[in-house]
Amino acid sequence: MALGFVRPARLDDVGEIARIQLTTWRVAYRRLMPRHVLEQLDEAWIAQQWERSITDPPTPRHRVLVAIEQVADQSTPAYVVGFVASGPPDEAALAPDEDHTALGDGVVAVTDLLVEPRWGRRGHGSRLLAACVDSWRNDGFTTAVAWTFIDDAATSRFLASAGWEKDGASRALDVDDLLIPQIRWHVAVIGT
C-alpha cells in the first residue's frame, strides 16, 4: 500500500521539481508545443529558478509544496511525485490588457501544478490542491486563479472536477512564433 502526503518544498527538492517539470512538459505538452522548444529546455536553469522560489520567495504568501509517495512499510524511499506553486498574482496572472487591479487583493494565483505522468491518477493533484486551500485560507485569500492551455484536456478535467470554472479570460502564449491559446480558471477558496 502506498501513502501520499504533501509538505513544503525544501532546498533538496529542487532537482526533483525541475526534473518533474521537464518530464511532465515533454510528455503532456508534446502535441501543444514545438518539439525543438521542449528539447531545448535547460533542466539546470529550471532548477535555479525553483531554488530561488523556495529559498527566497517574493512574499511569505508565495509557496511551493511537493507531493510525496511512500510505500507504507517505509523500507523504500519516498518519492517527490508532483508540486504546486502559488502566491499573490503578478502580471503573469492577468489577461492581455487587464488592469493590474483586476483580480483584487483576495486572489491567489497558481503558477504551476504538475504531477509526473507515471504517478498520475493516484490522488496527488487533489492532495496538492487541498493543502493549498488550507494555506490560502490562512493567508486570507478568497479566490484562486490558474491558467491552462485550451488543449490540455487532462488539466481542464482535473480543475473542473475540483470545482474550478472558466472565468472568461483568455490569452495566447507566443512559443517560437506559435501562438498557444490559454484560458483562465477560478474557484472560491472560502467555503470550498
N, C-alpha and C. Protein backbone atom coordinates (compact mmCIF):
# COMPACT_ATOMS: atom_id res chain seq x y z
N MET A 1 0.84 -1.18 0.00
CA MET A 1 0.00 0.00 0.00
C MET A 1 0.88 1.24 0.00
N ALA A 2 0.50 2.24 -0.78
CA ALA A 2 1.27 3.47 -0.87
C ALA A 2 0.60 4.57 -0.05
N LEU A 3 1.42 5.43 0.53
CA LEU A 3 0.95 6.58 1.27
C LEU A 3 1.31 7.83 0.50
N GLY A 4 0.40 8.77 0.44
CA GLY A 4 0.67 10.03 -0.22
C GLY A 4 0.45 11.17 0.75
N PHE A 5 1.33 12.16 0.69
CA PHE A 5 1.16 13.34 1.53
C PHE A 5 1.82 14.52 0.85
N VAL A 6 1.56 15.71 1.41
CA VAL A 6 2.09 16.96 0.86
C VAL A 6 2.86 17.66 1.96
N ARG A 7 3.97 18.28 1.59
CA ARG A 7 4.76 19.08 2.53
C ARG A 7 5.36 20.26 1.79
N PRO A 8 5.83 21.28 2.53
CA PRO A 8 6.52 22.39 1.88
C PRO A 8 7.79 21.89 1.18
N ALA A 9 8.08 22.47 0.05
CA ALA A 9 9.30 22.11 -0.68
C ALA A 9 10.53 22.57 0.10
N ARG A 10 11.58 21.77 0.00
CA ARG A 10 12.85 22.09 0.64
C ARG A 10 13.92 22.25 -0.44
N LEU A 11 15.03 22.80 -0.04
CA LEU A 11 16.11 23.02 -0.99
C LEU A 11 16.54 21.73 -1.68
N ASP A 12 16.54 20.61 -0.94
CA ASP A 12 16.97 19.36 -1.56
C ASP A 12 15.93 18.77 -2.53
N ASP A 13 14.77 19.42 -2.67
CA ASP A 13 13.74 19.00 -3.64
C ASP A 13 13.92 19.66 -5.00
N VAL A 14 14.78 20.66 -5.09
CA VAL A 14 14.89 21.47 -6.30
C VAL A 14 15.16 20.62 -7.54
N GLY A 15 16.09 19.70 -7.46
CA GLY A 15 16.41 18.87 -8.62
C GLY A 15 15.23 18.03 -9.07
N GLU A 16 14.50 17.47 -8.14
CA GLU A 16 13.33 16.66 -8.49
C GLU A 16 12.21 17.51 -9.07
N ILE A 17 12.01 18.70 -8.51
CA ILE A 17 10.97 19.58 -9.05
C ILE A 17 11.30 19.94 -10.50
N ALA A 18 12.54 20.30 -10.76
CA ALA A 18 12.94 20.64 -12.14
C ALA A 18 12.78 19.43 -13.06
N ARG A 19 13.18 18.26 -12.60
CA ARG A 19 13.05 17.05 -13.42
C ARG A 19 11.59 16.76 -13.71
N ILE A 20 10.73 16.87 -12.68
CA ILE A 20 9.30 16.61 -12.87
C ILE A 20 8.71 17.61 -13.85
N GLN A 21 9.07 18.89 -13.72
CA GLN A 21 8.54 19.89 -14.65
C GLN A 21 8.95 19.56 -16.08
N LEU A 22 10.20 19.28 -16.27
CA LEU A 22 10.70 18.98 -17.61
C LEU A 22 10.06 17.71 -18.17
N THR A 23 10.02 16.66 -17.38
CA THR A 23 9.41 15.40 -17.83
C THR A 23 7.94 15.58 -18.16
N THR A 24 7.22 16.25 -17.29
CA THR A 24 5.78 16.43 -17.49
C THR A 24 5.50 17.28 -18.71
N TRP A 25 6.23 18.38 -18.88
CA TRP A 25 6.03 19.20 -20.07
C TRP A 25 6.31 18.41 -21.34
N ARG A 26 7.39 17.63 -21.33
CA ARG A 26 7.74 16.88 -22.54
C ARG A 26 6.73 15.79 -22.87
N VAL A 27 6.05 15.27 -21.86
CA VAL A 27 5.01 14.26 -22.10
C VAL A 27 3.66 14.93 -22.37
N ALA A 28 3.22 15.78 -21.46
CA ALA A 28 1.87 16.34 -21.55
C ALA A 28 1.71 17.39 -22.65
N TYR A 29 2.77 18.12 -22.96
CA TYR A 29 2.67 19.21 -23.92
C TYR A 29 3.32 18.90 -25.25
N ARG A 30 3.66 17.64 -25.50
CA ARG A 30 4.38 17.30 -26.72
C ARG A 30 3.58 17.59 -27.98
N ARG A 31 2.25 17.63 -27.87
CA ARG A 31 1.43 17.95 -29.03
C ARG A 31 0.98 19.41 -29.04
N LEU A 32 1.34 20.15 -27.98
CA LEU A 32 0.95 21.56 -27.89
C LEU A 32 2.08 22.50 -28.27
N MET A 33 3.31 22.12 -27.96
CA MET A 33 4.47 22.98 -28.19
C MET A 33 5.40 22.35 -29.21
N PRO A 34 6.15 23.19 -29.89
CA PRO A 34 7.13 22.64 -30.85
C PRO A 34 8.13 21.72 -30.14
N ARG A 35 8.42 20.60 -30.77
CA ARG A 35 9.34 19.62 -30.18
C ARG A 35 10.70 20.22 -29.85
N HIS A 36 11.23 21.03 -30.75
CA HIS A 36 12.57 21.59 -30.50
C HIS A 36 12.57 22.52 -29.28
N VAL A 37 11.47 23.17 -29.00
CA VAL A 37 11.40 24.03 -27.82
C VAL A 37 11.47 23.17 -26.56
N LEU A 38 10.69 22.10 -26.53
CA LEU A 38 10.70 21.21 -25.37
C LEU A 38 12.06 20.54 -25.18
N GLU A 39 12.70 20.18 -26.29
CA GLU A 39 14.01 19.52 -26.20
C GLU A 39 15.11 20.47 -25.72
N GLN A 40 14.94 21.76 -25.97
CA GLN A 40 15.98 22.73 -25.60
C GLN A 40 15.84 23.26 -24.17
N LEU A 41 14.79 22.88 -23.48
CA LEU A 41 14.62 23.36 -22.10
C LEU A 41 15.79 22.89 -21.25
N ASP A 42 16.33 23.78 -20.46
CA ASP A 42 17.53 23.54 -19.67
C ASP A 42 17.16 23.20 -18.23
N GLU A 43 17.35 21.95 -17.86
CA GLU A 43 16.98 21.50 -16.52
C GLU A 43 17.74 22.24 -15.43
N ALA A 44 19.01 22.56 -15.66
CA ALA A 44 19.80 23.29 -14.65
C ALA A 44 19.24 24.70 -14.43
N TRP A 45 18.86 25.37 -15.50
CA TRP A 45 18.27 26.71 -15.38
C TRP A 45 16.93 26.64 -14.65
N ILE A 46 16.11 25.63 -14.99
CA ILE A 46 14.83 25.46 -14.32
C ILE A 46 15.06 25.23 -12.82
N ALA A 47 16.03 24.41 -12.48
CA ALA A 47 16.33 24.14 -11.07
C ALA A 47 16.75 25.42 -10.36
N GLN A 48 17.51 26.29 -11.00
CA GLN A 48 17.90 27.56 -10.38
C GLN A 48 16.68 28.42 -10.07
N GLN A 49 15.72 28.43 -10.97
CA GLN A 49 14.50 29.22 -10.74
C GLN A 49 13.73 28.67 -9.54
N TRP A 50 13.64 27.34 -9.45
CA TRP A 50 12.93 26.74 -8.32
C TRP A 50 13.70 26.96 -7.01
N GLU A 51 15.01 26.92 -7.07
CA GLU A 51 15.80 27.19 -5.87
C GLU A 51 15.48 28.58 -5.33
N ARG A 52 15.43 29.55 -6.22
CA ARG A 52 15.10 30.92 -5.82
C ARG A 52 13.67 30.99 -5.25
N SER A 53 12.74 30.30 -5.88
CA SER A 53 11.35 30.32 -5.40
C SER A 53 11.22 29.73 -4.00
N ILE A 54 12.04 28.73 -3.71
CA ILE A 54 11.95 28.05 -2.40
C ILE A 54 12.74 28.80 -1.33
N THR A 55 13.93 29.27 -1.67
CA THR A 55 14.78 29.89 -0.65
C THR A 55 14.54 31.39 -0.48
N ASP A 56 14.03 32.05 -1.52
CA ASP A 56 13.83 33.50 -1.45
C ASP A 56 12.54 33.89 -2.16
N PRO A 57 11.38 33.43 -1.65
CA PRO A 57 10.12 33.75 -2.31
C PRO A 57 9.84 35.25 -2.25
N PRO A 58 9.10 35.80 -3.22
CA PRO A 58 8.81 37.23 -3.24
C PRO A 58 8.07 37.73 -1.99
N THR A 59 7.20 36.88 -1.44
CA THR A 59 6.46 37.24 -0.22
C THR A 59 6.30 35.98 0.63
N PRO A 60 5.95 36.13 1.89
CA PRO A 60 5.67 34.95 2.73
C PRO A 60 4.45 34.15 2.25
N ARG A 61 3.62 34.77 1.40
CA ARG A 61 2.43 34.06 0.90
C ARG A 61 2.70 33.33 -0.41
N HIS A 62 3.91 33.37 -0.91
CA HIS A 62 4.32 32.54 -2.05
C HIS A 62 4.82 31.22 -1.50
N ARG A 63 4.28 30.13 -2.05
CA ARG A 63 4.65 28.81 -1.53
C ARG A 63 4.88 27.82 -2.66
N VAL A 64 5.76 26.88 -2.37
CA VAL A 64 5.95 25.72 -3.24
C VAL A 64 5.75 24.50 -2.34
N LEU A 65 4.82 23.65 -2.72
CA LEU A 65 4.53 22.41 -1.99
C LEU A 65 4.85 21.23 -2.89
N VAL A 66 5.25 20.13 -2.29
CA VAL A 66 5.52 18.92 -3.06
C VAL A 66 4.63 17.78 -2.59
N ALA A 67 4.27 16.92 -3.54
CA ALA A 67 3.52 15.69 -3.24
C ALA A 67 4.54 14.57 -3.13
N ILE A 68 4.35 13.76 -2.10
CA ILE A 68 5.26 12.65 -1.81
C ILE A 68 4.48 11.34 -1.86
N GLU A 69 5.10 10.31 -2.44
CA GLU A 69 4.54 8.97 -2.37
C GLU A 69 5.56 8.08 -1.67
N GLN A 70 5.06 7.32 -0.71
CA GLN A 70 5.93 6.43 0.06
C GLN A 70 5.19 5.11 0.29
N VAL A 71 5.90 4.02 0.20
CA VAL A 71 5.33 2.71 0.48
C VAL A 71 5.05 2.63 1.98
N ALA A 72 3.95 2.02 2.37
CA ALA A 72 3.50 2.00 3.76
C ALA A 72 4.53 1.43 4.73
N ASP A 73 5.31 0.44 4.30
CA ASP A 73 6.28 -0.15 5.23
C ASP A 73 7.50 0.74 5.46
N GLN A 74 7.60 1.82 4.68
CA GLN A 74 8.65 2.83 4.80
C GLN A 74 10.06 2.27 4.66
N SER A 75 10.20 1.05 4.15
CA SER A 75 11.53 0.49 3.93
C SER A 75 12.12 0.97 2.61
N THR A 76 11.26 1.46 1.70
CA THR A 76 11.74 2.02 0.45
C THR A 76 11.67 3.54 0.53
N PRO A 77 12.47 4.21 -0.25
CA PRO A 77 12.49 5.67 -0.16
C PRO A 77 11.17 6.31 -0.61
N ALA A 78 10.92 7.49 -0.10
CA ALA A 78 9.78 8.28 -0.54
C ALA A 78 10.17 9.01 -1.83
N TYR A 79 9.21 9.28 -2.68
CA TYR A 79 9.46 9.93 -3.95
C TYR A 79 8.70 11.24 -4.03
N VAL A 80 9.35 12.30 -4.50
CA VAL A 80 8.65 13.52 -4.86
C VAL A 80 8.00 13.23 -6.21
N VAL A 81 6.68 13.35 -6.28
CA VAL A 81 5.96 12.96 -7.49
C VAL A 81 5.23 14.11 -8.16
N GLY A 82 5.15 15.26 -7.49
CA GLY A 82 4.48 16.42 -8.06
C GLY A 82 4.72 17.64 -7.21
N PHE A 83 4.25 18.78 -7.70
CA PHE A 83 4.43 20.02 -6.96
C PHE A 83 3.41 21.05 -7.39
N VAL A 84 3.24 22.06 -6.56
CA VAL A 84 2.38 23.20 -6.86
C VAL A 84 3.07 24.45 -6.35
N ALA A 85 2.96 25.53 -7.11
CA ALA A 85 3.48 26.83 -6.70
C ALA A 85 2.36 27.84 -6.80
N SER A 86 2.24 28.68 -5.78
CA SER A 86 1.19 29.70 -5.79
C SER A 86 1.62 30.90 -4.98
N GLY A 87 0.91 31.99 -5.19
CA GLY A 87 1.18 33.20 -4.44
C GLY A 87 0.34 34.35 -4.96
N PRO A 88 0.49 35.52 -4.35
CA PRO A 88 -0.25 36.68 -4.85
C PRO A 88 0.02 36.88 -6.34
N PRO A 89 -1.00 37.25 -7.09
CA PRO A 89 -0.83 37.35 -8.55
C PRO A 89 0.08 38.49 -8.96
N ASP A 90 0.82 38.26 -10.03
CA ASP A 90 1.59 39.30 -10.68
C ASP A 90 1.06 39.44 -12.10
N GLU A 91 1.78 40.11 -12.96
CA GLU A 91 1.29 40.35 -14.32
C GLU A 91 1.07 39.04 -15.09
N ALA A 92 1.74 37.96 -14.71
CA ALA A 92 1.56 36.68 -15.41
C ALA A 92 0.18 36.08 -15.16
N ALA A 93 -0.51 36.55 -14.13
CA ALA A 93 -1.86 36.03 -13.84
C ALA A 93 -2.93 36.79 -14.61
N LEU A 94 -2.56 37.89 -15.25
CA LEU A 94 -3.52 38.74 -15.93
C LEU A 94 -3.71 38.35 -17.38
N ALA A 95 -4.89 38.66 -17.88
CA ALA A 95 -5.17 38.53 -19.31
C ALA A 95 -4.60 39.77 -20.02
N PRO A 96 -4.40 39.68 -21.33
CA PRO A 96 -3.90 40.86 -22.06
C PRO A 96 -4.81 42.06 -21.82
N ASP A 97 -4.21 43.20 -21.62
CA ASP A 97 -4.92 44.47 -21.41
C ASP A 97 -5.75 44.49 -20.13
N GLU A 98 -5.54 43.53 -19.25
CA GLU A 98 -6.26 43.52 -17.98
C GLU A 98 -5.49 44.40 -17.00
N ASP A 99 -6.20 45.25 -16.30
CA ASP A 99 -5.59 46.15 -15.33
C ASP A 99 -4.97 45.37 -14.18
N HIS A 100 -3.88 45.87 -13.63
CA HIS A 100 -3.17 45.16 -12.55
C HIS A 100 -4.03 45.00 -11.30
N THR A 101 -5.11 45.75 -11.18
CA THR A 101 -6.00 45.61 -10.02
C THR A 101 -7.21 44.74 -10.32
N ALA A 102 -7.28 44.19 -11.52
CA ALA A 102 -8.48 43.45 -11.96
C ALA A 102 -8.81 42.25 -11.07
N LEU A 103 -7.78 41.58 -10.57
CA LEU A 103 -8.04 40.37 -9.80
C LEU A 103 -8.38 40.66 -8.34
N GLY A 104 -7.92 41.75 -7.81
CA GLY A 104 -8.24 42.11 -6.43
C GLY A 104 -7.26 41.55 -5.42
N ASP A 105 -7.38 42.02 -4.19
CA ASP A 105 -6.45 41.64 -3.13
C ASP A 105 -6.64 40.23 -2.61
N GLY A 106 -7.83 39.69 -2.72
CA GLY A 106 -8.09 38.37 -2.15
C GLY A 106 -7.80 37.21 -3.08
N VAL A 107 -7.07 37.47 -4.16
CA VAL A 107 -6.84 36.43 -5.17
C VAL A 107 -5.43 35.86 -5.04
N VAL A 108 -5.34 34.55 -5.17
CA VAL A 108 -4.06 33.84 -5.23
C VAL A 108 -3.96 33.20 -6.61
N ALA A 109 -2.76 33.21 -7.17
CA ALA A 109 -2.53 32.62 -8.49
C ALA A 109 -1.72 31.34 -8.36
N VAL A 110 -2.21 30.28 -9.00
CA VAL A 110 -1.45 29.04 -9.11
C VAL A 110 -0.59 29.18 -10.36
N THR A 111 0.72 29.13 -10.18
CA THR A 111 1.60 29.29 -11.34
C THR A 111 1.99 27.95 -11.94
N ASP A 112 2.05 26.92 -11.12
CA ASP A 112 2.37 25.57 -11.59
C ASP A 112 1.65 24.55 -10.72
N LEU A 113 1.11 23.54 -11.35
CA LEU A 113 0.52 22.39 -10.65
C LEU A 113 0.78 21.19 -11.55
N LEU A 114 1.79 20.40 -11.18
CA LEU A 114 2.19 19.28 -12.03
C LEU A 114 2.41 18.02 -11.20
N VAL A 115 1.93 16.92 -11.71
CA VAL A 115 2.23 15.59 -11.17
C VAL A 115 2.86 14.81 -12.32
N GLU A 116 4.00 14.22 -12.05
CA GLU A 116 4.68 13.46 -13.09
C GLU A 116 3.73 12.39 -13.64
N PRO A 117 3.60 12.28 -14.96
CA PRO A 117 2.60 11.38 -15.55
C PRO A 117 2.60 9.96 -15.00
N ARG A 118 3.76 9.38 -14.71
CA ARG A 118 3.77 8.00 -14.21
C ARG A 118 3.16 7.87 -12.83
N TRP A 119 2.99 8.99 -12.10
CA TRP A 119 2.38 8.97 -10.77
C TRP A 119 0.96 9.54 -10.79
N GLY A 120 0.43 9.76 -11.98
CA GLY A 120 -0.91 10.35 -12.11
C GLY A 120 -2.02 9.41 -11.67
N ARG A 121 -3.16 10.01 -11.41
CA ARG A 121 -4.40 9.29 -11.05
C ARG A 121 -4.25 8.51 -9.74
N ARG A 122 -3.43 9.05 -8.83
CA ARG A 122 -3.25 8.41 -7.51
C ARG A 122 -3.60 9.37 -6.38
N GLY A 123 -4.25 10.51 -6.73
CA GLY A 123 -4.69 11.46 -5.72
C GLY A 123 -3.71 12.56 -5.37
N HIS A 124 -2.55 12.57 -6.01
CA HIS A 124 -1.54 13.57 -5.65
C HIS A 124 -1.97 14.99 -6.00
N GLY A 125 -2.58 15.18 -7.15
CA GLY A 125 -3.05 16.51 -7.53
C GLY A 125 -4.10 17.03 -6.56
N SER A 126 -5.02 16.17 -6.16
CA SER A 126 -6.06 16.56 -5.20
C SER A 126 -5.45 16.91 -3.85
N ARG A 127 -4.47 16.13 -3.41
CA ARG A 127 -3.80 16.44 -2.14
C ARG A 127 -3.07 17.78 -2.21
N LEU A 128 -2.41 18.03 -3.34
CA LEU A 128 -1.72 19.31 -3.50
C LEU A 128 -2.71 20.48 -3.42
N LEU A 129 -3.84 20.36 -4.13
CA LEU A 129 -4.83 21.44 -4.08
C LEU A 129 -5.42 21.60 -2.68
N ALA A 130 -5.71 20.51 -2.00
CA ALA A 130 -6.27 20.59 -0.64
C ALA A 130 -5.29 21.30 0.30
N ALA A 131 -4.02 20.97 0.19
CA ALA A 131 -3.01 21.62 1.04
C ALA A 131 -2.92 23.11 0.71
N CYS A 132 -3.04 23.45 -0.57
CA CYS A 132 -3.03 24.85 -0.97
C CYS A 132 -4.21 25.60 -0.36
N VAL A 133 -5.39 25.01 -0.45
CA VAL A 133 -6.58 25.68 0.08
C VAL A 133 -6.40 25.99 1.56
N ASP A 134 -5.84 25.07 2.31
CA ASP A 134 -5.59 25.34 3.74
C ASP A 134 -4.70 26.56 3.92
N SER A 135 -3.61 26.63 3.18
CA SER A 135 -2.69 27.77 3.32
C SER A 135 -3.33 29.05 2.77
N TRP A 136 -4.08 28.94 1.68
CA TRP A 136 -4.73 30.12 1.12
C TRP A 136 -5.72 30.73 2.11
N ARG A 137 -6.49 29.88 2.75
CA ARG A 137 -7.44 30.39 3.76
C ARG A 137 -6.70 31.08 4.89
N ASN A 138 -5.62 30.46 5.36
CA ASN A 138 -4.82 31.06 6.43
C ASN A 138 -4.25 32.42 6.02
N ASP A 139 -3.94 32.58 4.74
CA ASP A 139 -3.38 33.82 4.23
C ASP A 139 -4.45 34.85 3.85
N GLY A 140 -5.72 34.50 4.00
CA GLY A 140 -6.80 35.44 3.72
C GLY A 140 -7.23 35.52 2.27
N PHE A 141 -6.79 34.60 1.44
CA PHE A 141 -7.24 34.59 0.05
C PHE A 141 -8.68 34.07 -0.03
N THR A 142 -9.45 34.62 -0.95
CA THR A 142 -10.84 34.20 -1.12
C THR A 142 -11.10 33.53 -2.47
N THR A 143 -10.19 33.75 -3.42
CA THR A 143 -10.35 33.20 -4.77
C THR A 143 -8.99 32.77 -5.29
N ALA A 144 -8.98 31.67 -6.04
CA ALA A 144 -7.75 31.21 -6.70
C ALA A 144 -7.96 31.23 -8.20
N VAL A 145 -6.90 31.54 -8.94
CA VAL A 145 -6.93 31.51 -10.40
C VAL A 145 -5.77 30.68 -10.92
N ALA A 146 -5.95 30.13 -12.11
CA ALA A 146 -4.90 29.35 -12.77
C ALA A 146 -5.15 29.36 -14.27
N TRP A 147 -4.08 29.39 -15.04
CA TRP A 147 -4.17 29.32 -16.49
C TRP A 147 -3.88 27.89 -16.95
N THR A 148 -4.62 27.45 -17.98
CA THR A 148 -4.32 26.17 -18.62
C THR A 148 -4.32 26.38 -20.13
N PHE A 149 -3.60 25.50 -20.82
CA PHE A 149 -3.69 25.50 -22.28
C PHE A 149 -5.09 24.98 -22.66
N ILE A 150 -5.69 25.60 -23.64
CA ILE A 150 -7.03 25.19 -24.07
C ILE A 150 -7.04 23.70 -24.44
N ASP A 151 -5.97 23.22 -25.06
CA ASP A 151 -5.91 21.82 -25.50
C ASP A 151 -5.38 20.87 -24.44
N ASP A 152 -5.19 21.34 -23.22
CA ASP A 152 -4.73 20.47 -22.12
C ASP A 152 -5.97 19.89 -21.43
N ALA A 153 -6.52 18.86 -22.05
CA ALA A 153 -7.77 18.27 -21.56
C ALA A 153 -7.62 17.67 -20.16
N ALA A 154 -6.49 17.07 -19.86
CA ALA A 154 -6.31 16.43 -18.55
C ALA A 154 -6.37 17.44 -17.42
N THR A 155 -5.65 18.55 -17.56
CA THR A 155 -5.67 19.57 -16.50
C THR A 155 -7.04 20.23 -16.42
N SER A 156 -7.66 20.48 -17.56
CA SER A 156 -9.00 21.07 -17.55
C SER A 156 -10.01 20.17 -16.84
N ARG A 157 -9.96 18.87 -17.13
CA ARG A 157 -10.86 17.92 -16.45
C ARG A 157 -10.60 17.90 -14.94
N PHE A 158 -9.32 17.91 -14.58
CA PHE A 158 -8.96 17.88 -13.17
C PHE A 158 -9.49 19.11 -12.45
N LEU A 159 -9.24 20.30 -13.00
CA LEU A 159 -9.73 21.52 -12.34
C LEU A 159 -11.25 21.54 -12.26
N ALA A 160 -11.92 21.16 -13.35
CA ALA A 160 -13.38 21.14 -13.34
C ALA A 160 -13.90 20.17 -12.28
N SER A 161 -13.26 19.01 -12.14
CA SER A 161 -13.71 18.03 -11.15
C SER A 161 -13.49 18.53 -9.72
N ALA A 162 -12.56 19.49 -9.54
CA ALA A 162 -12.29 20.06 -8.22
C ALA A 162 -13.12 21.32 -7.96
N GLY A 163 -14.06 21.63 -8.86
CA GLY A 163 -14.96 22.76 -8.65
C GLY A 163 -14.53 24.07 -9.29
N TRP A 164 -13.42 24.06 -10.03
CA TRP A 164 -12.97 25.26 -10.72
C TRP A 164 -13.85 25.50 -11.95
N GLU A 165 -13.97 26.77 -12.35
CA GLU A 165 -14.72 27.14 -13.54
C GLU A 165 -13.91 28.12 -14.37
N LYS A 166 -14.16 28.15 -15.67
CA LYS A 166 -13.52 29.13 -16.54
C LYS A 166 -14.07 30.51 -16.18
N ASP A 167 -13.18 31.51 -16.14
CA ASP A 167 -13.65 32.85 -15.76
C ASP A 167 -13.84 33.77 -16.96
N GLY A 168 -13.66 33.26 -18.17
CA GLY A 168 -13.88 34.04 -19.38
C GLY A 168 -12.64 34.71 -19.94
N ALA A 169 -11.55 34.76 -19.17
CA ALA A 169 -10.32 35.37 -19.66
C ALA A 169 -9.56 34.39 -20.55
N SER A 170 -8.92 34.92 -21.56
CA SER A 170 -8.12 34.08 -22.45
C SER A 170 -6.90 34.88 -22.91
N ARG A 171 -5.92 34.14 -23.37
CA ARG A 171 -4.70 34.73 -23.91
C ARG A 171 -4.02 33.68 -24.77
N ALA A 172 -2.95 34.05 -25.41
CA ALA A 172 -2.15 33.10 -26.18
C ALA A 172 -0.68 33.34 -25.86
N LEU A 173 0.03 32.27 -25.58
CA LEU A 173 1.46 32.36 -25.35
C LEU A 173 2.18 32.20 -26.68
N ASP A 174 3.12 33.07 -26.93
CA ASP A 174 3.93 33.00 -28.14
C ASP A 174 5.15 32.13 -27.85
N VAL A 175 5.15 30.92 -28.40
CA VAL A 175 6.24 29.99 -28.20
C VAL A 175 6.89 29.74 -29.56
N ASP A 176 8.01 30.41 -29.79
CA ASP A 176 8.73 30.26 -31.05
C ASP A 176 7.83 30.51 -32.26
N ASP A 177 7.11 31.63 -32.22
CA ASP A 177 6.19 32.07 -33.28
C ASP A 177 4.95 31.19 -33.43
N LEU A 178 4.67 30.37 -32.45
CA LEU A 178 3.44 29.59 -32.43
C LEU A 178 2.60 30.11 -31.27
N LEU A 179 1.39 30.57 -31.57
CA LEU A 179 0.51 31.06 -30.51
C LEU A 179 -0.27 29.89 -29.93
N ILE A 180 -0.11 29.68 -28.62
CA ILE A 180 -0.77 28.58 -27.93
C ILE A 180 -1.82 29.18 -27.00
N PRO A 181 -3.11 28.97 -27.32
CA PRO A 181 -4.18 29.61 -26.54
C PRO A 181 -4.33 29.00 -25.14
N GLN A 182 -4.63 29.90 -24.20
CA GLN A 182 -4.87 29.51 -22.81
C GLN A 182 -6.19 30.11 -22.33
N ILE A 183 -6.74 29.48 -21.29
CA ILE A 183 -7.92 30.01 -20.61
C ILE A 183 -7.62 30.07 -19.12
N ARG A 184 -8.29 31.01 -18.45
CA ARG A 184 -8.07 31.15 -17.01
C ARG A 184 -9.26 30.54 -16.26
N TRP A 185 -8.94 29.85 -15.19
CA TRP A 185 -9.92 29.22 -14.32
C TRP A 185 -9.91 29.94 -12.98
N HIS A 186 -11.02 29.81 -12.25
CA HIS A 186 -11.09 30.38 -10.91
C HIS A 186 -11.95 29.50 -10.02
N VAL A 187 -11.74 29.64 -8.71
CA VAL A 187 -12.53 28.91 -7.73
C VAL A 187 -12.57 29.73 -6.44
N ALA A 188 -13.67 29.66 -5.73
CA ALA A 188 -13.77 30.32 -4.44
C ALA A 188 -13.00 29.50 -3.42
N VAL A 189 -12.20 30.15 -2.60
CA VAL A 189 -11.42 29.47 -1.57
C VAL A 189 -12.23 29.38 -0.29
N ILE A 190 -12.96 30.41 0.04
CA ILE A 190 -13.79 30.41 1.23
C ILE A 190 -15.01 29.54 0.97
N GLY A 191 -15.26 28.61 1.85
CA GLY A 191 -16.44 27.77 1.72
C GLY A 191 -16.27 26.57 0.82
N THR A 192 -15.05 26.36 0.27
CA THR A 192 -14.86 25.17 -0.58
C THR A 192 -14.42 24.00 0.26
